[in-house]
Amino acid sequence: SCSKNPETFIPHIEGYWEIVEVTMPDGDKKKYKFNETIDYISVSDSLTGFRKKLKPGINDTYFTSDNSEALKIKIEDGDLNIYYETPYANWKETVLDATSEHLRIINENKAVYLYKKYTPIKIDVE
């Protein structure tokens, strides 16, 4: 198969991500034209980190709560898996593709999430 090397995805996971669409297991797609929140993913050299929901403001400002999800990245059987942990739940997602511009993830329910790199809102103030 022409599968990609999952190690090449790792450098692209960190950053600000905006959801574009979700493809449900039955093929139905939900498109997102506007997002009130974006995901910020932070990954350390030890392949651990966190994911946080942010509300973007203008000129590189963000509003957030104290909530975050701890994460661990593991390569298993040729897949790049992200394991999340909160005080309430643990779950796994698999990275299908990650570039500097897009991130595609499938969750345990077989829903595929497509994200694009978030571009901050810039307003020139004179």
PDB file of N, CA and C in Angstrom:
ATOM      1  N   SER A   1       0.840  -1.191   0.000  1.00  0.00           N
ATOM      2  CA  SER A   1       0.000   0.000   0.000  1.00  0.00           C
ATOM      3  C   SER A   1       0.874   1.239   0.000  1.00  0.00           C
ATOM      4  N   CYS A   2       0.276   2.359  -0.341  1.00  0.00           N
ATOM      5  CA  CYS A   2       1.051   3.593  -0.419  1.00  0.00           C
ATOM      6  C   CYS A   2       0.867   4.404   0.857  1.00  0.00           C
ATOM      7  N   SER A   3       0.946   3.725   2.002  1.00  0.00           N
ATOM      8  CA  SER A   3       0.757   4.428   3.264  1.00  0.00           C
ATOM      9  C   SER A   3       1.989   5.277   3.552  1.00  0.00           C
ATOM     10  N   LYS A   4       1.774   6.363   4.261  1.00  0.00           N
ATOM     11  CA  LYS A   4       2.866   7.260   4.603  1.00  0.00           C
ATOM     12  C   LYS A   4       3.522   6.797   5.894  1.00  0.00           C
ATOM     13  N   ASN A   5       4.750   7.226   6.091  1.00  0.00           N
ATOM     14  CA  ASN A   5       5.465   6.924   7.318  1.00  0.00           C
ATOM     15  C   ASN A   5       4.897   7.819   8.420  1.00  0.00           C
ATOM     16  N   PRO A   6       4.273   7.229   9.446  1.00  0.00           N
ATOM     17  CA  PRO A   6       3.624   8.048  10.471  1.00  0.00           C
ATOM     18  C   PRO A   6       4.597   8.948  11.234  1.00  0.00           C
ATOM     19  N   GLU A   7       5.889   8.597  11.257  1.00  0.00           N
ATOM     20  CA  GLU A   7       6.868   9.445  11.945  1.00  0.00           C
ATOM     21  C   GLU A   7       6.929  10.828  11.317  1.00  0.00           C
ATOM     22  N   THR A   8       6.657  10.913  10.011  1.00  0.00           N
ATOM     23  CA  THR A   8       6.738  12.204   9.340  1.00  0.00           C
ATOM     24  C   THR A   8       5.585  13.127   9.747  1.00  0.00           C
ATOM     25  N   PHE A   9       4.548  12.587  10.376  1.00  0.00           N
ATOM     26  CA  PHE A   9       3.413  13.403  10.816  1.00  0.00           C
ATOM     27  C   PHE A   9       3.734  14.180  12.096  1.00  0.00           C
ATOM     28  N   ILE A  10       4.601  13.604  12.934  1.00  0.00           N
ATOM     29  CA  ILE A  10       4.814  14.136  14.288  1.00  0.00           C
ATOM     30  C   ILE A  10       5.161  15.625  14.300  1.00  0.00           C
ATOM     31  N   PRO A  11       6.085  16.112  13.457  1.00  0.00           N
ATOM     32  CA  PRO A  11       6.441  17.536  13.551  1.00  0.00           C
ATOM     33  C   PRO A  11       5.282  18.474  13.201  1.00  0.00           C
ATOM     34  N   HIS A  12       4.274  17.955  12.521  1.00  0.00           N
ATOM     35  CA  HIS A  12       3.178  18.813  12.062  1.00  0.00           C
ATOM     36  C   HIS A  12       2.002  18.883  13.036  1.00  0.00           C
ATOM     37  N   ILE A  13       1.981  18.026  14.048  1.00  0.00           N
ATOM     38  CA  ILE A  13       0.805  17.956  14.926  1.00  0.00           C
ATOM     39  C   ILE A  13       0.670  19.191  15.805  1.00  0.00           C
ATOM     40  N   GLU A  14       1.794  19.707  16.284  1.00  0.00           N
ATOM     41  CA  GLU A  14       1.735  20.871  17.174  1.00  0.00           C
ATOM     42  C   GLU A  14       1.231  22.094  16.420  1.00  0.00           C
ATOM     43  N   GLY A  15       0.390  22.880  17.105  1.00  0.00           N
ATOM     44  CA  GLY A  15      -0.045  24.143  16.516  1.00  0.00           C
ATOM     45  C   GLY A  15      -1.507  24.419  16.769  1.00  0.00           C
ATOM     46  N   TYR A  16      -1.992  25.431  16.073  1.00  0.00           N
ATOM     47  CA  TYR A  16      -3.378  25.878  16.186  1.00  0.00           C
ATOM     48  C   TYR A  16      -4.165  25.299  15.024  1.00  0.00           C
ATOM     49  N   TRP A  17      -5.250  24.579  15.323  1.00  0.00           N
ATOM     50  CA  TRP A  17      -6.017  23.865  14.311  1.00  0.00           C
ATOM     51  C   TRP A  17      -7.488  24.255  14.364  1.00  0.00           C
ATOM     52  N   GLU A  18      -8.064  24.444  13.181  1.00  0.00           N
ATOM     53  CA  GLU A  18      -9.473  24.804  13.037  1.00  0.00           C
ATOM     54  C   GLU A  18     -10.175  23.682  12.293  1.00  0.00           C
ATOM     55  N   ILE A  19     -11.294  23.205  12.826  1.00  0.00           N
ATOM     56  CA  ILE A  19     -11.992  22.092  12.189  1.00  0.00           C
ATOM     57  C   ILE A  19     -12.659  22.560  10.895  1.00  0.00           C
ATOM     58  N   VAL A  20     -12.547  21.748   9.846  1.00  0.00           N
ATOM     59  CA  VAL A  20     -13.147  22.051   8.545  1.00  0.00           C
ATOM     60  C   VAL A  20     -14.392  21.198   8.342  1.00  0.00           C
ATOM     61  N   GLU A  21     -14.233  19.884   8.558  1.00  0.00           N
ATOM     62  CA  GLU A  21     -15.388  18.991   8.392  1.00  0.00           C
ATOM     63  C   GLU A  21     -15.168  17.697   9.156  1.00  0.00           C
ATOM     64  N   VAL A  22     -16.293  17.031   9.426  1.00  0.00           N
ATOM     65  CA  VAL A  22     -16.279  15.707  10.038  1.00  0.00           C
ATOM     66  C   VAL A  22     -17.021  14.780   9.087  1.00  0.00           C
ATOM     67  N   THR A  23     -16.399  13.646   8.753  1.00  0.00           N
ATOM     68  CA  THR A  23     -17.050  12.629   7.944  1.00  0.00           C
ATOM     69  C   THR A  23     -17.462  11.499   8.876  1.00  0.00           C
ATOM     70  N   MET A  24     -18.771  11.279   8.958  1.00  0.00           N
ATOM     71  CA  MET A  24     -19.303  10.249   9.844  1.00  0.00           C
ATOM     72  C   MET A  24     -19.057   8.863   9.245  1.00  0.00           C
ATOM     73  N   PRO A  25     -19.133   7.821  10.062  1.00  0.00           N
ATOM     74  CA  PRO A  25     -18.898   6.459   9.567  1.00  0.00           C
ATOM     75  C   PRO A  25     -19.820   6.093   8.392  1.00  0.00           C
ATOM     76  N   ASP A  26     -21.028   6.663   8.339  1.00  0.00           N
ATOM     77  CA  ASP A  26     -21.947   6.352   7.235  1.00  0.00           C
ATOM     78  C   ASP A  26     -21.692   7.203   5.998  1.00  0.00           C
ATOM     79  N   GLY A  27     -20.648   8.059   6.034  1.00  0.00           N
ATOM     80  CA  GLY A  27     -20.298   8.870   4.874  1.00  0.00           C
ATOM     81  C   GLY A  27     -20.878  10.275   4.907  1.00  0.00           C
ATOM     82  N   ASP A  28     -21.833  10.529   5.803  1.00  0.00           N
ATOM     83  CA  ASP A  28     -22.375  11.882   5.934  1.00  0.00           C
ATOM     84  C   ASP A  28     -21.260  12.829   6.362  1.00  0.00           C
ATOM     85  N   LYS A  29     -21.291  14.067   5.799  1.00  0.00           N
ATOM     86  CA  LYS A  29     -20.279  15.059   6.157  1.00  0.00           C
ATOM     87  C   LYS A  29     -20.932  16.255   6.824  1.00  0.00           C
ATOM     88  N   LYS A  30     -20.282  16.739   7.855  1.00  0.00           N
ATOM     89  CA  LYS A  30     -20.710  17.974   8.503  1.00  0.00           C
ATOM     90  C   LYS A  30     -19.608  18.983   8.266  1.00  0.00           C
ATOM     91  N   LYS A  31     -19.938  20.073   7.560  1.00  0.00           N
ATOM     92  CA  LYS A  31     -18.949  21.113   7.263  1.00  0.00           C
ATOM     93  C   LYS A  31     -19.073  22.244   8.271  1.00  0.00           C
ATOM     94  N   TYR A  32     -17.934  22.823   8.602  1.00  0.00           N
ATOM     95  CA  TYR A  32     -17.881  23.942   9.536  1.00  0.00           C
ATOM     96  C   TYR A  32     -17.426  25.186   8.773  1.00  0.00           C
ATOM     97  N   LYS A  33     -18.319  26.170   8.641  1.00  0.00           N
ATOM     98  CA  LYS A  33     -17.961  27.399   7.944  1.00  0.00           C
ATOM     99  C   LYS A  33     -17.290  28.383   8.896  1.00  0.00           C
ATOM    100  N   PHE A  34     -17.718  28.352  10.152  1.00  0.00           N
ATOM    101  CA  PHE A  34     -17.163  29.266  11.149  1.00  0.00           C
ATOM    102  C   PHE A  34     -16.992  28.506  12.463  1.00  0.00           C
ATOM    103  N   ASN A  35     -15.888  28.732  13.121  1.00  0.00           N
ATOM    104  CA  ASN A  35     -15.621  28.064  14.391  1.00  0.00           C
ATOM    105  C   ASN A  35     -15.424  29.095  15.495  1.00  0.00           C
ATOM    106  N   GLU A  36     -16.166  28.928  16.571  1.00  0.00           N
ATOM    107  CA  GLU A  36     -15.954  29.805  17.724  1.00  0.00           C
ATOM    108  C   GLU A  36     -14.717  29.405  18.504  1.00  0.00           C
ATOM    109  N   THR A  37     -14.338  28.129  18.397  1.00  0.00           N
ATOM    110  CA  THR A  37     -13.146  27.675  19.108  1.00  0.00           C
ATOM    111  C   THR A  37     -12.213  26.954  18.142  1.00  0.00           C
ATOM    112  N   ILE A  38     -10.948  26.942  18.499  1.00  0.00           N
ATOM    113  CA  ILE A  38      -9.938  26.193  17.757  1.00  0.00           C
ATOM    114  C   ILE A  38      -9.219  25.300  18.762  1.00  0.00           C
ATOM    115  N   ASP A  39      -8.475  24.326  18.248  1.00  0.00           N
ATOM    116  CA  ASP A  39      -7.694  23.434  19.104  1.00  0.00           C
ATOM    117  C   ASP A  39      -6.235  23.861  19.058  1.00  0.00           C
ATOM    118  N   TYR A  40      -5.633  23.961  20.212  1.00  0.00           N
ATOM    119  CA  TYR A  40      -4.185  24.154  20.283  1.00  0.00           C
ATOM    120  C   TYR A  40      -3.583  22.860  20.796  1.00  0.00           C
ATOM    121  N   ILE A  41      -2.645  22.305  20.035  1.00  0.00           N
ATOM    122  CA  ILE A  41      -1.980  21.064  20.426  1.00  0.00           C
ATOM    123  C   ILE A  41      -0.505  21.381  20.666  1.00  0.00           C
ATOM    124  N   SER A  42      -0.022  20.988  21.833  1.00  0.00           N
ATOM    125  CA  SER A  42       1.376  21.172  22.199  1.00  0.00           C
ATOM    126  C   SER A  42       2.004  19.797  22.386  1.00  0.00           C
ATOM    127  N   VAL A  43       3.165  19.583  21.749  1.00  0.00           N
ATOM    128  CA  VAL A  43       3.856  18.289  21.834  1.00  0.00           C
ATOM    129  C   VAL A  43       5.314  18.540  22.202  1.00  0.00           C
ATOM    130  N   SER A  44       5.784  17.834  23.236  1.00  0.00           N
ATOM    131  CA  SER A  44       7.185  17.967  23.644  1.00  0.00           C
ATOM    132  C   SER A  44       8.048  16.936  22.916  1.00  0.00           C
ATOM    133  N   ASP A  45       9.353  17.034  23.125  1.00  0.00           N
ATOM    134  CA  ASP A  45      10.282  16.069  22.518  1.00  0.00           C
ATOM    135  C   ASP A  45      10.014  14.647  22.993  1.00  0.00           C
ATOM    136  N   SER A  46       9.405  14.500  24.162  1.00  0.00           N
ATOM    137  CA  SER A  46       9.130  13.163  24.697  1.00  0.00           C
ATOM    138  C   SER A  46       7.798  12.608  24.179  1.00  0.00           C
ATOM    139  N   LEU A  47       7.196  13.299  23.176  1.00  0.00           N
ATOM    140  CA  LEU A  47       5.937  12.881  22.555  1.00  0.00           C
ATOM    141  C   LEU A  47       4.786  12.863  23.554  1.00  0.00           C
ATOM    142  N   THR A  48       4.851  13.765  24.527  1.00  0.00           N
ATOM    143  CA  THR A  48       3.729  14.014  25.419  1.00  0.00           C
ATOM    144  C   THR A  48       3.347  15.478  25.260  1.00  0.00           C
ATOM    145  N   GLY A  49       2.176  15.818  25.730  1.00  0.00           N
ATOM    146  CA  GLY A  49       1.763  17.203  25.624  1.00  0.00           C
ATOM    147  C   GLY A  49       0.335  17.375  26.060  1.00  0.00           C
ATOM    148  N   PHE A  50      -0.357  18.336  25.417  1.00  0.00           N
ATOM    149  CA  PHE A  50      -1.748  18.593  25.770  1.00  0.00           C
ATOM    150  C   PHE A  50      -2.484  19.204  24.589  1.00  0.00           C
ATOM    151  N   ARG A  51      -3.811  19.118  24.657  1.00  0.00           N
ATOM    152  CA  ARG A  51      -4.685  19.787  23.698  1.00  0.00           C
ATOM    153  C   ARG A  51      -5.631  20.667  24.492  1.00  0.00           C
ATOM    154  N   LYS A  52      -5.822  21.886  24.009  1.00  0.00           N
ATOM    155  CA  LYS A  52      -6.685  22.862  24.667  1.00  0.00           C
ATOM    156  C   LYS A  52      -7.609  23.490  23.647  1.00  0.00           C
ATOM    157  N   LYS A  53      -8.818  23.839  24.076  1.00  0.00           N
ATOM    158  CA  LYS A  53      -9.750  24.611  23.245  1.00  0.00           C
ATOM    159  C   LYS A  53      -9.491  26.087  23.509  1.00  0.00           C
ATOM    160  N   LEU A  54      -9.376  26.865  22.436  1.00  0.00           N
ATOM    161  CA  LEU A  54      -9.159  28.302  22.545  1.00  0.00           C
ATOM    162  C   LEU A  54     -10.227  29.050  21.773  1.00  0.00           C
ATOM    163  N   LYS A  55     -10.594  30.223  22.267  1.00  0.00           N
ATOM    164  CA  LYS A  55     -11.445  31.142  21.512  1.00  0.00           C
ATOM    165  C   LYS A  55     -10.521  32.215  20.965  1.00  0.00           C
ATOM    166  N   PRO A  56     -10.387  32.281  19.641  1.00  0.00           N
ATOM    167  CA  PRO A  56      -9.476  33.284  19.089  1.00  0.00           C
ATOM    168  C   PRO A  56     -10.049  34.697  19.227  1.00  0.00           C
ATOM    169  N   GLY A  57      -9.167  35.621  19.575  1.00  0.00           N
ATOM    170  CA  GLY A  57      -9.491  37.040  19.560  1.00  0.00           C
ATOM    171  C   GLY A  57      -8.829  37.658  18.342  1.00  0.00           C
ATOM    172  N   ILE A  58      -8.527  38.927  18.421  1.00  0.00           N
ATOM    173  CA  ILE A  58      -7.836  39.571  17.300  1.00  0.00           C
ATOM    174  C   ILE A  58      -6.375  39.804  17.659  1.00  0.00           C
ATOM    175  N   ASN A  59      -5.558  39.936  16.626  1.00  0.00           N
ATOM    176  CA  ASN A  59      -4.133  40.233  16.780  1.00  0.00           C
ATOM    177  C   ASN A  59      -3.427  39.278  17.746  1.00  0.00           C
ATOM    178  N   ASP A  60      -3.574  37.967  17.461  1.00  0.00           N
ATOM    179  CA  ASP A  60      -2.857  36.918  18.198  1.00  0.00           C
ATOM    180  C   ASP A  60      -3.238  36.827  19.674  1.00  0.00           C
ATOM    181  N   THR A  61      -4.480  37.155  20.019  1.00  0.00           N
ATOM    182  CA  THR A  61      -4.935  36.943  21.389  1.00  0.00           C
ATOM    183  C   THR A  61      -5.882  35.747  21.395  1.00  0.00           C
ATOM    184  N   TYR A  62      -5.885  35.018  22.507  1.00  0.00           N
ATOM    185  CA  TYR A  62      -6.720  33.835  22.652  1.00  0.00           C
ATOM    186  C   TYR A  62      -7.312  33.814  24.053  1.00  0.00           C
ATOM    187  N   PHE A  63      -8.524  33.297  24.152  1.00  0.00           N
ATOM    188  CA  PHE A  63      -9.193  33.134  25.444  1.00  0.00           C
ATOM    189  C   PHE A  63      -9.370  31.644  25.666  1.00  0.00           C
ATOM    190  N   THR A  64      -9.094  31.204  26.899  1.00  0.00           N
ATOM    191  CA  THR A  64      -9.165  29.775  27.167  1.00  0.00           C
ATOM    192  C   THR A  64      -9.611  29.529  28.599  1.00  0.00           C
ATOM    193  N   SER A  65     -10.023  28.312  28.834  1.00  0.00           N
ATOM    194  CA  SER A  65     -10.320  27.888  30.205  1.00  0.00           C
ATOM    195  C   SER A  65      -9.091  27.163  30.729  1.00  0.00           C
ATOM    196  N   ASP A  66      -9.185  26.687  31.946  1.00  0.00           N
ATOM    197  CA  ASP A  66      -8.072  25.924  32.514  1.00  0.00           C
ATOM    198  C   ASP A  66      -8.100  24.471  32.068  1.00  0.00           C
ATOM    199  N   ASN A  67      -9.127  24.082  31.328  1.00  0.00           N
ATOM    200  CA  ASN A  67      -9.265  22.687  30.918  1.00  0.00           C
ATOM    201  C   ASN A  67      -8.285  22.348  29.798  1.00  0.00           C
ATOM    202  N   SER A  68      -7.644  21.216  29.934  1.00  0.00           N
ATOM    203  CA  SER A  68      -6.823  20.703  28.841  1.00  0.00           C
ATOM    204  C   SER A  68      -6.825  19.180  28.935  1.00  0.00           C
ATOM    205  N   GLU A  69      -6.467  18.566  27.828  1.00  0.00           N
ATOM    206  CA  GLU A  69      -6.410  17.113  27.753  1.00  0.00           C
ATOM    207  C   GLU A  69      -4.954  16.712  27.612  1.00  0.00           C
ATOM    208  N   ALA A  70      -4.456  15.907  28.549  1.00  0.00           N
ATOM    209  CA  ALA A  70      -3.090  15.399  28.443  1.00  0.00           C
ATOM    210  C   ALA A  70      -3.037  14.428  27.270  1.00  0.00           C
ATOM    211  N   LEU A  71      -1.918  14.410  26.552  1.00  0.00           N
ATOM    212  CA  LEU A  71      -1.805  13.479  25.431  1.00  0.00           C
ATOM    213  C   LEU A  71      -0.441  12.826  25.387  1.00  0.00           C
ATOM    214  N   LYS A  72      -0.441  11.619  24.786  1.00  0.00           N
ATOM    215  CA  LYS A  72       0.782  10.857  24.519  1.00  0.00           C
ATOM    216  C   LYS A  72       0.685  10.377  23.088  1.00  0.00           C
ATOM    217  N   ILE A  73       1.780  10.515  22.356  1.00  0.00           N
ATOM    218  CA  ILE A  73       1.817  10.057  20.964  1.00  0.00           C
ATOM    219  C   ILE A  73       2.629   8.769  20.908  1.00  0.00           C
ATOM    220  N   LYS A  74       2.071   7.763  20.222  1.00  0.00           N
ATOM    221  CA  LYS A  74       2.770   6.481  20.078  1.00  0.00           C
ATOM    222  C   LYS A  74       2.616   5.988  18.645  1.00  0.00           C
ATOM    223  N   ILE A  75       3.688   5.413  18.112  1.00  0.00           N
ATOM    224  CA  ILE A  75       3.598   4.736  16.815  1.00  0.00           C
ATOM    225  C   ILE A  75       3.379   3.261  17.108  1.00  0.00           C
ATOM    226  N   GLU A  76       2.256   2.733  16.586  1.00  0.00           N
ATOM    227  CA  GLU A  76       1.892   1.341  16.837  1.00  0.00           C
ATOM    228  C   GLU A  76       1.381   0.718  15.550  1.00  0.00           C
ATOM    229  N   ASP A  77       1.965  -0.382  15.147  1.00  0.00           N
ATOM    230  CA  ASP A  77       1.533  -1.108  13.945  1.00  0.00           C
ATOM    231  C   ASP A  77       1.414  -0.194  12.724  1.00  0.00           C
ATOM    232  N   GLY A  78       2.378   0.701  12.555  1.00  0.00           N
ATOM    233  CA  GLY A  78       2.376   1.571  11.384  1.00  0.00           C
ATOM    234  C   GLY A  78       1.407   2.736  11.476  1.00  0.00           C
ATOM    235  N   ASP A  79       0.760   2.924  12.626  1.00  0.00           N
ATOM    236  CA  ASP A  79      -0.159   4.046  12.820  1.00  0.00           C
ATOM    237  C   ASP A  79       0.424   5.014  13.843  1.00  0.00           C
ATOM    238  N   LEU A  80       0.065   6.275  13.694  1.00  0.00           N
ATOM    239  CA  LEU A  80       0.415   7.280  14.696  1.00  0.00           C
ATOM    240  C   LEU A  80      -0.827   7.525  15.538  1.00  0.00           C
ATOM    241  N   ASN A  81      -0.788   7.068  16.791  1.00  0.00           N
ATOM    242  CA  ASN A  81      -1.931   7.186  17.690  1.00  0.00           C
ATOM    243  C   ASN A  81      -1.684   8.257  18.732  1.00  0.00           C
ATOM    244  N   ILE A  82      -2.758   8.984  19.047  1.00  0.00           N
ATOM    245  CA  ILE A  82      -2.706   9.969  20.121  1.00  0.00           C
ATOM    246  C   ILE A  82      -3.642   9.476  21.217  1.00  0.00           C
ATOM    247  N   TYR A  83      -3.079   9.295  22.394  1.00  0.00           N
ATOM    248  CA  TYR A  83      -3.860   8.865  23.553  1.00  0.00           C
ATOM    249  C   TYR A  83      -4.136  10.084  24.423  1.00  0.00           C
ATOM    250  N   TYR A  84      -5.423  10.323  24.681  1.00  0.00           N
ATOM    251  CA  TYR A  84      -5.829  11.469  25.494  1.00  0.00           C
ATOM    252  C   TYR A  84      -6.271  10.992  26.864  1.00  0.00           C
ATOM    253  N   GLU A  85      -6.070  11.867  27.857  1.00  0.00           N
ATOM    254  CA  GLU A  85      -6.469  11.533  29.212  1.00  0.00           C
ATOM    255  C   GLU A  85      -6.947  12.790  29.921  1.00  0.00           C
ATOM    256  N   THR A  86      -8.142  12.699  30.520  1.00  0.00           N
ATOM    257  CA  THR A  86      -8.658  13.743  31.391  1.00  0.00           C
ATOM    258  C   THR A  86      -9.076  13.059  32.688  1.00  0.00           C
ATOM    259  N   PRO A  87      -9.452  13.837  33.693  1.00  0.00           N
ATOM    260  CA  PRO A  87      -9.941  13.186  34.913  1.00  0.00           C
ATOM    261  C   PRO A  87     -11.200  12.348  34.665  1.00  0.00           C
ATOM    262  N   TYR A  88     -11.871  12.583  33.529  1.00  0.00           N
ATOM    263  CA  TYR A  88     -13.168  11.939  33.278  1.00  0.00           C
ATOM    264  C   TYR A  88     -13.123  10.829  32.238  1.00  0.00           C
ATOM    265  N   ALA A  89     -12.135  10.835  31.366  1.00  0.00           N
ATOM    266  CA  ALA A  89     -12.143   9.868  30.261  1.00  0.00           C
ATOM    267  C   ALA A  89     -10.744   9.669  29.697  1.00  0.00           C
ATOM    268  N   ASN A  90     -10.578   8.520  29.037  1.00  0.00           N
ATOM    269  CA  ASN A  90      -9.372   8.224  28.250  1.00  0.00           C
ATOM    270  C   ASN A  90      -9.839   7.783  26.879  1.00  0.00           C
ATOM    271  N   TRP A  91      -9.146   8.215  25.827  1.00  0.00           N
ATOM    272  CA  TRP A  91      -9.521   7.769  24.491  1.00  0.00           C
ATOM    273  C   TRP A  91      -8.337   7.874  23.548  1.00  0.00           C
ATOM    274  N   LYS A  92      -8.514   7.276  22.388  1.00  0.00           N
ATOM    275  CA  LYS A  92      -7.444   7.203  21.388  1.00  0.00           C
ATOM    276  C   LYS A  92      -7.963   7.752  20.076  1.00  0.00           C
ATOM    277  N   GLU A  93      -7.092   8.483  19.371  1.00  0.00           N
ATOM    278  CA  GLU A  93      -7.362   8.909  18.005  1.00  0.00           C
ATOM    279  C   GLU A  93      -6.153   8.522  17.164  1.00  0.00           C
ATOM    280  N   THR A  94      -6.382   8.264  15.875  1.00  0.00           N
ATOM    281  CA  THR A  94      -5.304   7.890  14.968  1.00  0.00           C
ATOM    282  C   THR A  94      -5.136   8.976  13.914  1.00  0.00           C
ATOM    283  N   VAL A  95      -3.906   9.426  13.732  1.00  0.00           N
ATOM    284  CA  VAL A  95      -3.606  10.452  12.726  1.00  0.00           C
ATOM    285  C   VAL A  95      -3.513   9.767  11.370  1.00  0.00           C
ATOM    286  N   LEU A  96      -4.386  10.172  10.444  1.00  0.00           N
ATOM    287  CA  LEU A  96      -4.364   9.620   9.086  1.00  0.00           C
ATOM    288  C   LEU A  96      -3.400  10.392   8.195  1.00  0.00           C
ATOM    289  N   ASP A  97      -3.288  11.684   8.462  1.00  0.00           N
ATOM    290  CA  ASP A  97      -2.404  12.534   7.660  1.00  0.00           C
ATOM    291  C   ASP A  97      -2.123  13.802   8.444  1.00  0.00           C
ATOM    292  N   ALA A  98      -0.912  14.317   8.341  1.00  0.00           N
ATOM    293  CA  ALA A  98      -0.554  15.580   8.984  1.00  0.00           C
ATOM    294  C   ALA A  98       0.488  16.276   8.129  1.00  0.00           C
ATOM    295  N   THR A  99       0.153  17.501   7.711  1.00  0.00           N
ATOM    296  CA  THR A  99       1.094  18.339   6.959  1.00  0.00           C
ATOM    297  C   THR A  99       1.151  19.687   7.667  1.00  0.00           C
ATOM    298  N   SER A 100       1.889  20.628   7.102  1.00  0.00           N
ATOM    299  CA  SER A 100       1.944  21.951   7.719  1.00  0.00           C
ATOM    300  C   SER A 100       0.598  22.665   7.613  1.00  0.00           C
ATOM    301  N   GLU A 101      -0.280  22.216   6.711  1.00  0.00           N
ATOM    302  CA  GLU A 101      -1.552  22.899   6.478  1.00  0.00           C
ATOM    303  C   GLU A 101      -2.788  22.135   6.939  1.00  0.00           C
ATOM    304  N   HIS A 102      -2.721  20.789   6.966  1.00  0.00           N
ATOM    305  CA  HIS A 102      -3.909  19.980   7.282  1.00  0.00           C
ATOM    306  C   HIS A 102      -3.595  18.875   8.279  1.00  0.00           C
ATOM    307  N   LEU A 103      -4.617  18.486   9.018  1.00  0.00           N
ATOM    308  CA  LEU A 103      -4.518  17.390   9.973  1.00  0.00           C
ATOM    309  C   LEU A 103      -5.789  16.565   9.839  1.00  0.00           C
ATOM    310  N   ARG A 104      -5.634  15.247   9.569  1.00  0.00           N
ATOM    311  CA  ARG A 104      -6.791  14.339   9.470  1.00  0.00           C
ATOM    312  C   ARG A 104      -6.653  13.275  10.535  1.00  0.00           C
ATOM    313  N   ILE A 105      -7.703  13.151  11.346  1.00  0.00           N
ATOM    314  CA  ILE A 105      -7.695  12.222  12.488  1.00  0.00           C
ATOM    315  C   ILE A 105      -8.961  11.394  12.447  1.00  0.00           C
ATOM    316  N   ILE A 106      -8.842  10.112  12.800  1.00  0.00           N
ATOM    317  CA  ILE A 106     -10.034   9.263  12.937  1.00  0.00           C
ATOM    318  C   ILE A 106     -10.144   8.864  14.405  1.00  0.00           C
ATOM    319  N   ASN A 107     -11.367   8.921  14.935  1.00  0.00           N
ATOM    320  CA  ASN A 107     -11.543   8.568  16.344  1.00  0.00           C
ATOM    321  C   ASN A 107     -12.040   7.133  16.479  1.00  0.00           C
ATOM    322  N   GLU A 108     -12.278   6.719  17.710  1.00  0.00           N
ATOM    323  CA  GLU A 108     -12.675   5.328  17.972  1.00  0.00           C
ATOM    324  C   GLU A 108     -14.057   5.010  17.415  1.00  0.00           C
ATOM    325  N   ASN A 109     -14.864   6.026  17.137  1.00  0.00           N
ATOM    326  CA  ASN A 109     -16.189   5.834  16.531  1.00  0.00           C
ATOM    327  C   ASN A 109     -16.143   5.858  15.010  1.00  0.00           C
ATOM    328  N   LYS A 110     -14.929   5.924  14.444  1.00  0.00           N
ATOM    329  CA  LYS A 110     -14.708   5.924  12.994  1.00  0.00           C
ATOM    330  C   LYS A 110     -15.158   7.221  12.318  1.00  0.00           C
ATOM    331  N   ALA A 111     -15.269   8.297  13.088  1.00  0.00           N
ATOM    332  CA  ALA A 111     -15.527   9.611  12.495  1.00  0.00           C
ATOM    333  C   ALA A 111     -14.175  10.230  12.140  1.00  0.00           C
ATOM    334  N   VAL A 112     -14.094  10.805  10.926  1.00  0.00           N
ATOM    335  CA  VAL A 112     -12.841  11.397  10.449  1.00  0.00           C
ATOM    336  C   VAL A 112     -12.945  12.920  10.556  1.00  0.00           C
ATOM    337  N   TYR A 113     -12.004  13.509  11.267  1.00  0.00           N
ATOM    338  CA  TYR A 113     -11.961  14.950  11.478  1.00  0.00           C
ATOM    339  C   TYR A 113     -10.880  15.562  10.589  1.00  0.00           C
ATOM    340  N   LEU A 114     -11.260  16.570   9.812  1.00  0.00           N
ATOM    341  CA  LEU A 114     -10.302  17.296   8.981  1.00  0.00           C
ATOM    342  C   LEU A 114     -10.134  18.690   9.565  1.00  0.00           C
ATOM    343  N   TYR A 115      -8.900  19.031   9.880  1.00  0.00           N
ATOM    344  CA  TYR A 115      -8.566  20.352  10.417  1.00  0.00           C
ATOM    345  C   TYR A 115      -7.677  21.082   9.423  1.00  0.00           C
ATOM    346  N   LYS A 116      -7.742  22.417   9.446  1.00  0.00           N
ATOM    347  CA  LYS A 116      -6.771  23.214   8.706  1.00  0.00           C
ATOM    348  C   LYS A 116      -6.031  24.087   9.701  1.00  0.00           C
ATOM    349  N   LYS A 117      -4.805  24.467   9.334  1.00  0.00           N
ATOM    350  CA  LYS A 117      -4.015  25.325  10.197  1.00  0.00           C
ATOM    351  C   LYS A 117      -4.783  26.617  10.402  1.00  0.00           C
ATOM    352  N   TYR A 118      -4.890  27.060  11.635  1.00  0.00           N
ATOM    353  CA  TYR A 118      -5.626  28.265  11.950  1.00  0.00           C
ATOM    354  C   TYR A 118      -4.800  29.488  11.589  1.00  0.00           C
ATOM    355  N   THR A 119      -5.433  30.448  10.922  1.00  0.00           N
ATOM    356  CA  THR A 119      -4.793  31.717  10.581  1.00  0.00           C
ATOM    357  C   THR A 119      -5.381  32.798  11.494  1.00  0.00           C
ATOM    358  N   PRO A 120      -4.554  33.416  12.319  1.00  0.00           N
ATOM    359  CA  PRO A 120      -5.084  34.420  13.239  1.00  0.00           C
ATOM    360  C   PRO A 120      -5.704  35.611  12.516  1.00  0.00           C
ATOM    361  N   ILE A 121      -6.664  36.236  13.186  1.00  0.00           N
ATOM    362  CA  ILE A 121      -7.331  37.427  12.661  1.00  0.00           C
ATOM    363  C   ILE A 121      -6.427  38.619  12.945  1.00  0.00           C
ATOM    364  N   LYS A 122      -6.035  39.334  11.904  1.00  0.00           N
ATOM    365  CA  LYS A 122      -5.163  40.500  12.071  1.00  0.00           C
ATOM    366  C   LYS A 122      -5.946  41.752  11.703  1.00  0.00           C
ATOM    367  N   ILE A 123      -5.916  42.737  12.582  1.00  0.00           N
ATOM    368  CA  ILE A 123      -6.549  44.017  12.300  1.00  0.00           C
ATOM    369  C   ILE A 123      -5.519  45.099  12.495  1.00  0.00           C
ATOM    370  N   ASP A 124      -5.327  45.895  11.456  1.00  0.00           N
ATOM    371  CA  ASP A 124      -4.378  47.006  11.564  1.00  0.00           C
ATOM    372  C   ASP A 124      -5.039  48.151  12.319  1.00  0.00           C
ATOM    373  N   VAL A 125      -4.401  48.586  13.362  1.00  0.00           N
ATOM    374  CA  VAL A 125      -4.904  49.711  14.142  1.00  0.00           C
ATOM    375  C   VAL A 125      -3.972  50.890  13.901  1.00  0.00           C
ATOM    376  N   GLU A 126      -4.552  51.981  13.428  1.00  0.00           N
ATOM    377  CA  GLU A 126      -3.697  53.138  13.130  1.00  0.00           C
ATOM    378  C   GLU A 126      -3.800  54.188  14.201  1.00  0.00           C
TER     379      GLU A 126
END
